[in-house]
Structure formats: C-alpha cells, structure tokens
Amino acid sequence: MKLTEEKVLELFENDEGVTWEGDNCYQGLQIIAKCTDNVIQGAGHDTLYSENVDTLIEAGMKKEEFEQLRKLNWMIEYNSLACFV
C-alpha cells in the first residue's frame, strides 16, 4: 500500500499516544533530516515549519516516521510538517 498525503493526514488526526521527553522539535527535525537537507522551511509566531508532506513521501519517509513525529506532537499546517517551539 502506497503512502499518500491523505493517509498521512489521517495519521495526524489521531492525538492518542502523544508523549515525549526532551526537545520534541529537535527530535522531529532529526527524523526529517533523514529524508531531506531542507529541514526548516520557515517560522511563524511560536511555530517552526518544515518540509511539505508530499516532498517527504517522495523522498522516502515511512509511515512509522510520520507516526513518530505525531507522537512528538508535530502537526500538519499548510501541507507542511510543523511544530510549536
């Protein structure tokens, strides 16, 4: 089964099991850095934006990695991964 943006969005709708220790933003950036060199795309007030979901899927990010990001309290905004900082 091919991973699609819609399936990733479904993963992020579920907020069960969201728990982490340490810097969740940094830990998430480390996961994203496995698939792209462009880990930070921009920043807003209290939010860091990373790569577009489709770009990460095309780069080979696995479902389990998206699940890890969700557990680290990452979210999807404007089709990009994002995290409160």
Protein backbone atom coordinates (compact mmCIF):
# COMPACT_ATOMS: atom_id res chain seq x y z
CA MET A 1 0.00 0.00 0.00
CA LYS A 2 1.48 3.31 -1.14
CA LEU A 3 1.72 6.11 1.38
CA THR A 4 -0.26 9.17 0.30
CA GLU A 5 -0.78 12.65 1.69
CA GLU A 6 -4.33 11.70 2.66
CA LYS A 7 -3.10 8.73 4.71
CA VAL A 8 -0.53 10.93 6.45
CA LEU A 9 -3.24 13.49 7.25
CA GLU A 10 -5.31 10.68 8.80
CA LEU A 11 -2.34 9.70 10.99
CA PHE A 12 -2.10 13.24 12.30
CA GLU A 13 -5.81 13.45 13.12
CA ASN A 14 -5.30 10.95 15.93
CA ASP A 15 -3.78 12.54 19.02
CA GLU A 16 -3.58 9.35 21.07
CA GLY A 17 -0.17 8.45 22.41
CA VAL A 18 1.28 11.94 22.09
CA THR A 19 4.13 11.85 24.58
CA TRP A 20 7.78 12.72 24.56
CA GLU A 21 10.77 13.51 26.70
CA GLY A 22 13.24 16.23 25.86
CA ASP A 23 13.09 18.63 22.93
CA ASN A 24 10.31 17.36 20.67
CA CYS A 25 11.10 19.91 17.97
CA TYR A 26 14.76 18.90 17.74
CA GLN A 27 13.90 15.20 17.82
CA GLY A 28 11.43 15.73 14.96
CA LEU A 29 13.98 17.65 12.90
CA GLN A 30 16.37 14.73 13.28
CA ILE A 31 13.74 12.38 11.84
CA ILE A 32 13.00 14.75 8.95
CA ALA A 33 16.73 15.23 8.24
CA LYS A 34 16.94 11.55 7.26
CA CYS A 35 14.89 12.40 4.14
CA THR A 36 15.86 15.96 3.23
CA ASP A 37 18.53 18.59 3.72
CA ASN A 38 15.83 21.29 3.85
CA VAL A 39 14.52 20.56 7.33
CA ILE A 40 13.48 24.13 8.16
CA GLN A 41 11.31 25.93 5.62
CA GLY A 42 10.14 28.84 7.74
CA ALA A 43 8.92 30.08 11.09
CA GLY A 44 5.90 31.86 12.41
CA HIS A 45 4.96 33.02 15.86
CA ASP A 46 5.89 30.05 18.09
CA THR A 47 5.81 27.60 15.15
CA LEU A 48 8.59 26.07 13.08
CA TYR A 49 7.66 24.81 9.61
CA SER A 50 9.45 22.01 7.86
CA GLU A 51 9.16 20.26 4.52
CA ASN A 52 5.96 19.65 2.57
CA VAL A 53 4.33 16.27 3.27
CA ASP A 54 4.32 15.23 -0.42
CA THR A 55 8.01 16.05 -0.73
CA LEU A 56 8.82 13.87 2.27
CA ILE A 57 6.73 11.00 0.92
CA GLU A 58 8.56 11.23 -2.41
CA ALA A 59 11.88 11.33 -0.52
CA GLY A 60 11.00 8.01 1.13
CA MET A 61 9.75 8.94 4.59
CA LYS A 62 7.99 5.92 6.04
CA LYS A 63 4.65 5.71 7.81
CA GLU A 64 6.45 4.85 11.06
CA GLU A 65 8.48 8.05 10.85
CA PHE A 66 5.34 10.13 10.37
CA GLU A 67 3.85 8.30 13.37
CA GLN A 68 6.94 9.16 15.43
CA LEU A 69 6.53 12.82 14.51
CA ARG A 70 2.88 12.74 15.57
CA LYS A 71 3.85 11.22 18.92
CA LEU A 72 6.35 14.08 19.31
CA ASN A 73 3.40 16.50 18.95
CA TRP A 74 4.21 17.61 15.42
CA MET A 75 1.28 18.67 13.24
CA ILE A 76 0.47 19.46 9.63
CA GLU A 77 -0.23 23.05 8.68
CA TYR A 78 -0.37 24.39 5.11
CA ASN A 79 0.57 20.87 3.87
CA SER A 80 3.86 21.07 5.77
CA LEU A 81 5.06 19.49 8.97
CA ALA A 82 5.06 22.00 11.81
CA CYS A 83 5.91 22.11 15.50
CA PHE A 84 5.29 24.58 18.31
CA VAL A 85 8.55 25.85 19.76
